[in-house]
Amino acid sequence: MEHPLIERNPHIMLGKPVIKGTRLTVELLMRKLGDGFTVPDILEMYPNLRLEQIQAAFTYSADKIANEIILEVA
């Protein structure tokens, strides 16, 4: 699935997925949420970030998890 607001570039943050045009990684945003910050908190911390970009990070993360290959352990 294509994510137009997310990009991976080996020259930006070592190729980790970032919000396009920024150095904010999807991982950073997910960790902020996991640490208890809300979306409004994140928007306040990063005033140039838009709600649509955070939502794109959610979708990107969910798609990656949905497409995981599960290995059976014997």
PDB file of N, CA and C in Angstrom:
ATOM      1  N   MET A   1       0.846  -1.182   0.000  1.00  0.00           N
ATOM      2  CA  MET A   1       0.000   0.000   0.000  1.00  0.00           C
ATOM      3  C   MET A   1       0.888   1.241   0.000  1.00  0.00           C
ATOM      4  N   GLU A   2       0.510   2.214  -0.787  1.00  0.00           N
ATOM      5  CA  GLU A   2       1.280   3.452  -0.862  1.00  0.00           C
ATOM      6  C   GLU A   2       0.863   4.403   0.254  1.00  0.00           C
ATOM      7  N   HIS A   3       1.841   5.099   0.782  1.00  0.00           N
ATOM      8  CA  HIS A   3       1.615   6.078   1.841  1.00  0.00           C
ATOM      9  C   HIS A   3       2.199   7.408   1.383  1.00  0.00           C
ATOM     10  N   PRO A   4       1.375   8.258   0.783  1.00  0.00           N
ATOM     11  CA  PRO A   4       1.911   9.484   0.178  1.00  0.00           C
ATOM     12  C   PRO A   4       2.515  10.483   1.163  1.00  0.00           C
ATOM     13  N   LEU A   5       2.200  10.382   2.447  1.00  0.00           N
ATOM     14  CA  LEU A   5       2.767  11.320   3.419  1.00  0.00           C
ATOM     15  C   LEU A   5       3.964  10.739   4.167  1.00  0.00           C
ATOM     16  N   ILE A   6       4.321   9.492   3.842  1.00  0.00           N
ATOM     17  CA  ILE A   6       5.453   8.806   4.487  1.00  0.00           C
ATOM     18  C   ILE A   6       6.491   8.506   3.417  1.00  0.00           C
ATOM     19  N   GLU A   7       7.757   8.694   3.771  1.00  0.00           N
ATOM     20  CA  GLU A   7       8.814   8.353   2.819  1.00  0.00           C
ATOM     21  C   GLU A   7       9.956   7.625   3.524  1.00  0.00           C
ATOM     22  N   ARG A   8      10.669   6.840   2.742  1.00  0.00           N
ATOM     23  CA  ARG A   8      11.891   6.177   3.202  1.00  0.00           C
ATOM     24  C   ARG A   8      12.994   6.573   2.243  1.00  0.00           C
ATOM     25  N   ASN A   9      14.069   7.085   2.817  1.00  0.00           N
ATOM     26  CA  ASN A   9      15.195   7.538   2.009  1.00  0.00           C
ATOM     27  C   ASN A   9      16.451   7.199   2.806  1.00  0.00           C
ATOM     28  N   PRO A  10      17.380   6.460   2.209  1.00  0.00           N
ATOM     29  CA  PRO A  10      18.579   6.070   2.955  1.00  0.00           C
ATOM     30  C   PRO A  10      19.405   7.261   3.443  1.00  0.00           C
ATOM     31  N   HIS A  11      19.170   8.450   2.898  1.00  0.00           N
ATOM     32  CA  HIS A  11      19.912   9.642   3.304  1.00  0.00           C
ATOM     33  C   HIS A  11      19.210  10.436   4.407  1.00  0.00           C
ATOM     34  N   ILE A  12      18.018   9.993   4.796  1.00  0.00           N
ATOM     35  CA  ILE A  12      17.257  10.672   5.851  1.00  0.00           C
ATOM     36  C   ILE A  12      16.988   9.672   6.971  1.00  0.00           C
ATOM     37  N   MET A  13      17.502   9.955   8.151  1.00  0.00           N
ATOM     38  CA  MET A  13      17.288   9.119   9.337  1.00  0.00           C
ATOM     39  C   MET A  13      17.596   7.644   9.073  1.00  0.00           C
ATOM     40  N   LEU A  14      18.680   7.413   8.316  1.00  0.00           N
ATOM     41  CA  LEU A  14      19.170   6.060   8.003  1.00  0.00           C
ATOM     42  C   LEU A  14      18.134   5.193   7.303  1.00  0.00           C
ATOM     43  N   GLY A  15      17.198   5.825   6.594  1.00  0.00           N
ATOM     44  CA  GLY A  15      16.210   5.080   5.832  1.00  0.00           C
ATOM     45  C   GLY A  15      14.965   4.690   6.599  1.00  0.00           C
ATOM     46  N   LYS A  16      14.868   5.120   7.860  1.00  0.00           N
ATOM     47  CA  LYS A  16      13.641   4.831   8.614  1.00  0.00           C
ATOM     48  C   LYS A  16      12.487   5.606   7.987  1.00  0.00           C
ATOM     49  N   PRO A  17      11.271   5.087   8.094  1.00  0.00           N
ATOM     50  CA  PRO A  17      10.135   5.836   7.548  1.00  0.00           C
ATOM     51  C   PRO A  17       9.904   7.127   8.329  1.00  0.00           C
ATOM     52  N   VAL A  18       9.767   8.216   7.585  1.00  0.00           N
ATOM     53  CA  VAL A  18       9.577   9.542   8.182  1.00  0.00           C
ATOM     54  C   VAL A  18       8.359  10.202   7.550  1.00  0.00           C
ATOM     55  N   ILE A  19       7.855  11.225   8.238  1.00  0.00           N
ATOM     56  CA  ILE A  19       6.845  12.073   7.637  1.00  0.00           C
ATOM     57  C   ILE A  19       7.531  12.818   6.495  1.00  0.00           C
ATOM     58  N   LYS A  20       6.981  12.723   5.307  1.00  0.00           N
ATOM     59  CA  LYS A  20       7.600  13.311   4.120  1.00  0.00           C
ATOM     60  C   LYS A  20       7.923  14.789   4.350  1.00  0.00           C
ATOM     61  N   GLY A  21       9.144  15.163   3.997  1.00  0.00           N
ATOM     62  CA  GLY A  21       9.586  16.544   4.122  1.00  0.00           C
ATOM     63  C   GLY A  21      10.083  16.909   5.516  1.00  0.00           C
ATOM     64  N   THR A  22      10.160  15.907   6.413  1.00  0.00           N
ATOM     65  CA  THR A  22      10.634  16.149   7.773  1.00  0.00           C
ATOM     66  C   THR A  22      11.672  15.099   8.134  1.00  0.00           C
ATOM     67  N   ARG A  23      12.182  15.216   9.336  1.00  0.00           N
ATOM     68  CA  ARG A  23      13.049  14.189   9.901  1.00  0.00           C
ATOM     69  C   ARG A  23      12.349  13.505  11.073  1.00  0.00           C
ATOM     70  N   LEU A  24      11.027  13.621  11.131  1.00  0.00           N
ATOM     71  CA  LEU A  24      10.241  12.989  12.190  1.00  0.00           C
ATOM     72  C   LEU A  24       9.894  11.566  11.762  1.00  0.00           C
ATOM     73  N   THR A  25      10.419  10.605  12.509  1.00  0.00           N
ATOM     74  CA  THR A  25      10.166   9.212  12.145  1.00  0.00           C
ATOM     75  C   THR A  25       8.796   8.755  12.624  1.00  0.00           C
ATOM     76  N   VAL A  26       8.259   7.788  11.903  1.00  0.00           N
ATOM     77  CA  VAL A  26       7.015   7.145  12.319  1.00  0.00           C
ATOM     78  C   VAL A  26       7.230   6.529  13.698  1.00  0.00           C
ATOM     79  N   GLU A  27       8.382   5.939  13.910  1.00  0.00           N
ATOM     80  CA  GLU A  27       8.702   5.337  15.208  1.00  0.00           C
ATOM     81  C   GLU A  27       8.598   6.363  16.335  1.00  0.00           C
ATOM     82  N   LEU A  28       9.150   7.546  16.147  1.00  0.00           N
ATOM     83  CA  LEU A  28       9.096   8.588  17.176  1.00  0.00           C
ATOM     84  C   LEU A  28       7.648   8.911  17.540  1.00  0.00           C
ATOM     85  N   LEU A  29       6.810   9.074  16.529  1.00  0.00           N
ATOM     86  CA  LEU A  29       5.414   9.407  16.789  1.00  0.00           C
ATOM     87  C   LEU A  29       4.698   8.281  17.529  1.00  0.00           C
ATOM     88  N   MET A  30       4.955   7.041  17.143  1.00  0.00           N
ATOM     89  CA  MET A  30       4.320   5.917  17.822  1.00  0.00           C
ATOM     90  C   MET A  30       4.813   5.795  19.268  1.00  0.00           C
ATOM     91  N   ARG A  31       6.085   6.063  19.485  1.00  0.00           N
ATOM     92  CA  ARG A  31       6.621   6.012  20.850  1.00  0.00           C
ATOM     93  C   ARG A  31       6.039   7.120  21.722  1.00  0.00           C
ATOM     94  N   LYS A  32       5.862   8.301  21.153  1.00  0.00           N
ATOM     95  CA  LYS A  32       5.234   9.392  21.907  1.00  0.00           C
ATOM     96  C   LYS A  32       3.833   8.970  22.363  1.00  0.00           C
ATOM     97  N   LEU A  33       3.081   8.371  21.465  1.00  0.00           N
ATOM     98  CA  LEU A  33       1.742   7.901  21.825  1.00  0.00           C
ATOM     99  C   LEU A  33       1.820   6.810  22.891  1.00  0.00           C
ATOM    100  N   GLY A  34       2.753   5.893  22.722  1.00  0.00           N
ATOM    101  CA  GLY A  34       2.938   4.824  23.699  1.00  0.00           C
ATOM    102  C   GLY A  34       3.355   5.343  25.064  1.00  0.00           C
ATOM    103  N   ASP A  35       4.021   6.473  25.085  1.00  0.00           N
ATOM    104  CA  ASP A  35       4.456   7.081  26.346  1.00  0.00           C
ATOM    105  C   ASP A  35       3.347   7.905  26.996  1.00  0.00           C
ATOM    106  N   GLY A  36       2.184   7.960  26.351  1.00  0.00           N
ATOM    107  CA  GLY A  36       1.054   8.640  26.960  1.00  0.00           C
ATOM    108  C   GLY A  36       0.732  10.023  26.420  1.00  0.00           C
ATOM    109  N   PHE A  37       1.518  10.491  25.459  1.00  0.00           N
ATOM    110  CA  PHE A  37       1.203  11.780  24.848  1.00  0.00           C
ATOM    111  C   PHE A  37      -0.018  11.610  23.946  1.00  0.00           C
ATOM    112  N   THR A  38      -0.838  12.632  23.864  1.00  0.00           N
ATOM    113  CA  THR A  38      -2.004  12.601  22.988  1.00  0.00           C
ATOM    114  C   THR A  38      -1.650  13.229  21.648  1.00  0.00           C
ATOM    115  N   VAL A  39      -2.534  13.053  20.683  1.00  0.00           N
ATOM    116  CA  VAL A  39      -2.321  13.693  19.382  1.00  0.00           C
ATOM    117  C   VAL A  39      -2.234  15.214  19.548  1.00  0.00           C
ATOM    118  N   PRO A  40      -3.131  15.848  20.324  1.00  0.00           N
ATOM    119  CA  PRO A  40      -2.959  17.297  20.528  1.00  0.00           C
ATOM    120  C   PRO A  40      -1.608  17.655  21.169  1.00  0.00           C
ATOM    121  N   ASP A  41      -1.122  16.814  22.092  1.00  0.00           N
ATOM    122  CA  ASP A  41       0.202  17.052  22.684  1.00  0.00           C
ATOM    123  C   ASP A  41       1.282  17.054  21.597  1.00  0.00           C
ATOM    124  N   ILE A  42       1.210  16.079  20.722  1.00  0.00           N
ATOM    125  CA  ILE A  42       2.224  15.943  19.664  1.00  0.00           C
ATOM    126  C   ILE A  42       2.142  17.131  18.704  1.00  0.00           C
ATOM    127  N   LEU A  43       0.935  17.532  18.363  1.00  0.00           N
ATOM    128  CA  LEU A  43       0.772  18.695  17.484  1.00  0.00           C
ATOM    129  C   LEU A  43       1.324  19.953  18.132  1.00  0.00           C
ATOM    130  N   GLU A  44       1.218  20.044  19.446  1.00  0.00           N
ATOM    131  CA  GLU A  44       1.783  21.202  20.153  1.00  0.00           C
ATOM    132  C   GLU A  44       3.313  21.129  20.184  1.00  0.00           C
ATOM    133  N   MET A  45       3.861  19.922  20.367  1.00  0.00           N
ATOM    134  CA  MET A  45       5.322  19.745  20.388  1.00  0.00           C
ATOM    135  C   MET A  45       5.954  20.045  19.032  1.00  0.00           C
ATOM    136  N   TYR A  46       5.250  19.695  17.979  1.00  0.00           N
ATOM    137  CA  TYR A  46       5.755  19.838  16.607  1.00  0.00           C
ATOM    138  C   TYR A  46       4.760  20.691  15.821  1.00  0.00           C
ATOM    139  N   PRO A  47       4.820  22.007  15.975  1.00  0.00           N
ATOM    140  CA  PRO A  47       3.798  22.887  15.383  1.00  0.00           C
ATOM    141  C   PRO A  47       3.710  22.842  13.857  1.00  0.00           C
ATOM    142  N   ASN A  48       4.735  22.349  13.191  1.00  0.00           N
ATOM    143  CA  ASN A  48       4.671  22.246  11.730  1.00  0.00           C
ATOM    144  C   ASN A  48       4.016  20.951  11.263  1.00  0.00           C
ATOM    145  N   LEU A  49       3.735  20.060  12.196  1.00  0.00           N
ATOM    146  CA  LEU A  49       3.099  18.790  11.881  1.00  0.00           C
ATOM    147  C   LEU A  49       1.594  18.994  11.764  1.00  0.00           C
ATOM    148  N   ARG A  50       0.970  18.238  10.853  1.00  0.00           N
ATOM    149  CA  ARG A  50      -0.484  18.307  10.675  1.00  0.00           C
ATOM    150  C   ARG A  50      -1.132  17.000  11.127  1.00  0.00           C
ATOM    151  N   LEU A  51      -2.379  17.087  11.492  1.00  0.00           N
ATOM    152  CA  LEU A  51      -3.122  15.907  11.922  1.00  0.00           C
ATOM    153  C   LEU A  51      -3.068  14.807  10.862  1.00  0.00           C
ATOM    154  N   GLU A  52      -3.193  15.167   9.604  1.00  0.00           N
ATOM    155  CA  GLU A  52      -3.176  14.187   8.521  1.00  0.00           C
ATOM    156  C   GLU A  52      -1.863  13.406   8.490  1.00  0.00           C
ATOM    157  N   GLN A  53      -0.766  14.057   8.860  1.00  0.00           N
ATOM    158  CA  GLN A  53       0.529  13.381   8.876  1.00  0.00           C
ATOM    159  C   GLN A  53       0.600  12.365  10.015  1.00  0.00           C
ATOM    160  N   ILE A  54       0.039  12.713  11.160  1.00  0.00           N
ATOM    161  CA  ILE A  54       0.014  11.762  12.271  1.00  0.00           C
ATOM    162  C   ILE A  54      -0.883  10.583  11.908  1.00  0.00           C
ATOM    163  N   GLN A  55      -2.011  10.852  11.304  1.00  0.00           N
ATOM    164  CA  GLN A  55      -2.901   9.777  10.878  1.00  0.00           C
ATOM    165  C   GLN A  55      -2.214   8.876   9.852  1.00  0.00           C
ATOM    166  N   ALA A  56      -1.405   9.454   8.981  1.00  0.00           N
ATOM    167  CA  ALA A  56      -0.652   8.665   8.005  1.00  0.00           C
ATOM    168  C   ALA A  56       0.341   7.744   8.711  1.00  0.00           C
ATOM    169  N   ALA A  57       0.945   8.225   9.793  1.00  0.00           N
ATOM    170  CA  ALA A  57       1.870   7.386  10.564  1.00  0.00           C
ATOM    171  C   ALA A  57       1.121   6.216  11.198  1.00  0.00           C
ATOM    172  N   PHE A  58      -0.112   6.459  11.691  1.00  0.00           N
ATOM    173  CA  PHE A  58      -0.935   5.374  12.241  1.00  0.00           C
ATOM    174  C   PHE A  58      -1.207   4.324  11.165  1.00  0.00           C
ATOM    175  N   THR A  59      -1.638   4.793  10.010  1.00  0.00           N
ATOM    176  CA  THR A  59      -1.983   3.878   8.919  1.00  0.00           C
ATOM    177  C   THR A  59      -0.768   3.093   8.463  1.00  0.00           C
ATOM    178  N   TYR A  60       0.370   3.770   8.332  1.00  0.00           N
ATOM    179  CA  TYR A  60       1.604   3.102   7.920  1.00  0.00           C
ATOM    180  C   TYR A  60       1.958   1.998   8.919  1.00  0.00           C
ATOM    181  N   SER A  61       1.899   2.327  10.206  1.00  0.00           N
ATOM    182  CA  SER A  61       2.235   1.352  11.251  1.00  0.00           C
ATOM    183  C   SER A  61       1.282   0.166  11.221  1.00  0.00           C
ATOM    184  N   ALA A  62      -0.002   0.438  11.100  1.00  0.00           N
ATOM    185  CA  ALA A  62      -0.998  -0.639  11.060  1.00  0.00           C
ATOM    186  C   ALA A  62      -0.784  -1.536   9.847  1.00  0.00           C
ATOM    187  N   ASP A  63      -0.467  -0.940   8.694  1.00  0.00           N
ATOM    188  CA  ASP A  63      -0.218  -1.733   7.494  1.00  0.00           C
ATOM    189  C   ASP A  63       1.006  -2.616   7.654  1.00  0.00           C
ATOM    190  N   LYS A  64       2.041  -2.103   8.294  1.00  0.00           N
ATOM    191  CA  LYS A  64       3.248  -2.911   8.510  1.00  0.00           C
ATOM    192  C   LYS A  64       2.941  -4.101   9.412  1.00  0.00           C
ATOM    193  N   ILE A  65       2.170  -3.874  10.471  1.00  0.00           N
ATOM    194  CA  ILE A  65       1.810  -4.963  11.381  1.00  0.00           C
ATOM    195  C   ILE A  65       0.902  -5.963  10.671  1.00  0.00           C
ATOM    196  N   ALA A  66      -0.050  -5.472   9.894  1.00  0.00           N
ATOM    197  CA  ALA A  66      -0.993  -6.356   9.179  1.00  0.00           C
ATOM    198  C   ALA A  66      -0.283  -7.258   8.190  1.00  0.00           C
ATOM    199  N   ASN A  67       0.833  -6.792   7.648  1.00  0.00           N
ATOM    200  CA  ASN A  67       1.537  -7.560   6.633  1.00  0.00           C
ATOM    201  C   ASN A  67       2.740  -8.336   7.179  1.00  0.00           C
ATOM    202  N   GLU A  68       2.817  -8.462   8.500  1.00  0.00           N
ATOM    203  CA  GLU A  68       3.900  -9.242   9.100  1.00  0.00           C
ATOM    204  C   GLU A  68       3.765 -10.712   8.698  1.00  0.00           C
ATOM    205  N   ILE A  69       4.878 -11.345   8.570  1.00  0.00           N
ATOM    206  CA  ILE A  69       4.893 -12.797   8.359  1.00  0.00           C
ATOM    207  C   ILE A  69       5.090 -13.446   9.711  1.00  0.00           C
ATOM    208  N   ILE A  70       4.180 -14.310  10.066  1.00  0.00           N
ATOM    209  CA  ILE A  70       4.228 -14.979  11.365  1.00  0.00           C
ATOM    210  C   ILE A  70       4.848 -16.360  11.162  1.00  0.00           C
ATOM    211  N   LEU A  71       5.916 -16.624  11.930  1.00  0.00           N
ATOM    212  CA  LEU A  71       6.603 -17.899  11.840  1.00  0.00           C
ATOM    213  C   LEU A  71       6.169 -18.789  12.985  1.00  0.00           C
ATOM    214  N   GLU A  72       5.894 -20.018  12.679  1.00  0.00           N
ATOM    215  CA  GLU A  72       5.549 -20.986  13.709  1.00  0.00           C
ATOM    216  C   GLU A  72       6.836 -21.488  14.356  1.00  0.00           C
ATOM    217  N   VAL A  73       6.850 -21.515  15.674  1.00  0.00           N
ATOM    218  CA  VAL A  73       8.015 -22.013  16.402  1.00  0.00           C
ATOM    219  C   VAL A  73       7.707 -23.439  16.829  1.00  0.00           C
ATOM    220  N   ALA A  74       8.609 -24.328  16.504  1.00  0.00           N
ATOM    221  CA  ALA A  74       8.387 -25.744  16.841  1.00  0.00           C
ATOM    222  C   ALA A  74       8.889 -26.058  18.227  1.00  0.00           C
TER     223      ALA A  74
END
